[in-house]
């Protein structure tokens, strides 16, 4: 599911490589109740780089409860735009 960002952001791929992107593609959502963590695997950029984003963990995981894809999309956007 592709999420369009309101403003382009810069992801640091390596310390010497940076790419500005306007959208990211969530390719996988991993919910790990045993460790209280939800991770989104996103793909972005011309070379289809991937990055793991922790959406919720610990107390935040407990507080979100039964999250939806819409919740995950909003959280990815929030994290990305905060970078």
Protein backbone atom coordinates (compact mmCIF):
# COMPACT_ATOMS: atom_id res chain seq x y z
CA UNK A 1 0.00 0.00 0.00
CA UNK A 2 1.56 3.26 -1.13
CA UNK A 3 1.24 6.29 1.14
CA UNK A 4 1.70 9.75 -0.34
CA UNK A 5 3.47 12.12 2.03
CA UNK A 6 2.38 15.75 2.36
CA UNK A 7 5.99 16.93 2.00
CA UNK A 8 8.99 15.15 0.48
CA UNK A 9 11.42 13.76 3.06
CA UNK A 10 15.07 12.72 2.97
CA UNK A 11 16.04 9.20 3.95
CA UNK A 12 19.70 8.63 4.75
CA UNK A 13 20.62 5.39 3.01
CA UNK A 14 24.30 5.45 3.90
CA UNK A 15 26.16 8.28 5.54
CA UNK A 16 27.10 9.56 2.07
CA UNK A 17 23.87 8.84 0.20
CA UNK A 18 20.61 10.72 0.63
CA UNK A 19 17.48 10.64 -1.51
CA UNK A 20 14.39 12.82 -1.37
CA UNK A 21 11.12 10.88 -1.76
CA UNK A 22 7.47 11.88 -1.94
CA UNK A 23 5.98 8.48 -1.15
CA UNK A 24 6.82 5.23 0.57
CA UNK A 25 5.38 1.77 -0.04
CA UNK A 26 4.50 -0.44 2.92
CA UNK A 27 5.48 -3.91 1.79
CA UNK A 28 4.95 -5.72 5.08
CA UNK A 29 3.49 -5.18 8.54
CA UNK A 30 4.86 -7.40 11.33
CA UNK A 31 2.90 -7.66 14.56
CA UNK A 32 4.88 -9.38 17.33
CA UNK A 33 2.63 -9.63 20.42
CA UNK A 34 5.26 -11.60 22.38
CA UNK A 35 7.64 -8.63 22.28
CA UNK A 36 4.89 -5.98 22.01
CA UNK A 37 6.08 -4.46 18.74
CA UNK A 38 4.66 -3.62 15.30
CA UNK A 39 7.15 -3.05 12.48
CA UNK A 40 6.43 -1.73 9.00
CA UNK A 41 8.83 -2.67 6.22
CA UNK A 42 8.80 0.18 3.72
CA UNK A 43 10.23 0.51 0.23
CA UNK A 44 11.19 3.86 -1.26
CA UNK A 45 13.33 5.66 -3.79
CA UNK A 46 14.45 4.93 -7.31
CA UNK A 47 16.50 1.93 -6.20
CA UNK A 48 13.70 0.46 -4.04
CA UNK A 49 15.58 0.74 -0.77
CA UNK A 50 13.91 -0.88 2.23
CA UNK A 51 13.78 0.23 5.85
CA UNK A 52 12.12 -1.14 8.98
CA UNK A 53 10.08 1.35 10.99
CA UNK A 54 8.88 0.50 14.49
CA UNK A 55 5.30 1.76 14.62
CA UNK A 56 4.43 0.84 18.21
CA UNK A 57 6.21 -0.98 20.99
CA UNK A 58 5.89 -1.51 24.72
CA UNK A 59 3.26 0.72 26.33
CA UNK A 60 2.40 2.28 22.94
CA UNK A 61 1.70 -1.22 21.64
CA UNK A 62 -0.65 -1.84 24.57
CA UNK A 63 -2.35 1.54 24.06
CA UNK A 64 -3.01 1.09 20.32
CA UNK A 65 -4.81 -2.20 20.96
CA UNK A 66 -6.31 -3.71 17.81
CA UNK A 67 -4.75 -1.50 15.14
CA UNK A 68 -5.97 -1.30 11.54
CA UNK A 69 -4.18 -0.78 8.23
CA UNK A 70 -5.40 2.84 8.38
CA UNK A 71 -3.75 3.24 11.81
CA UNK A 72 -0.51 1.78 10.42
CA UNK A 73 -0.57 4.06 7.37
CA UNK A 74 -1.11 7.12 9.56
CA UNK A 75 1.73 6.06 11.88
CA UNK A 76 4.14 5.47 8.97
CA UNK A 77 3.31 8.91 7.62
CA UNK A 78 3.79 10.46 11.08
CA UNK A 79 7.17 8.78 11.54
CA UNK A 80 8.39 9.61 8.04
CA UNK A 81 7.38 13.24 8.26
CA UNK A 82 9.14 13.49 11.63
CA UNK A 83 12.50 12.42 10.16
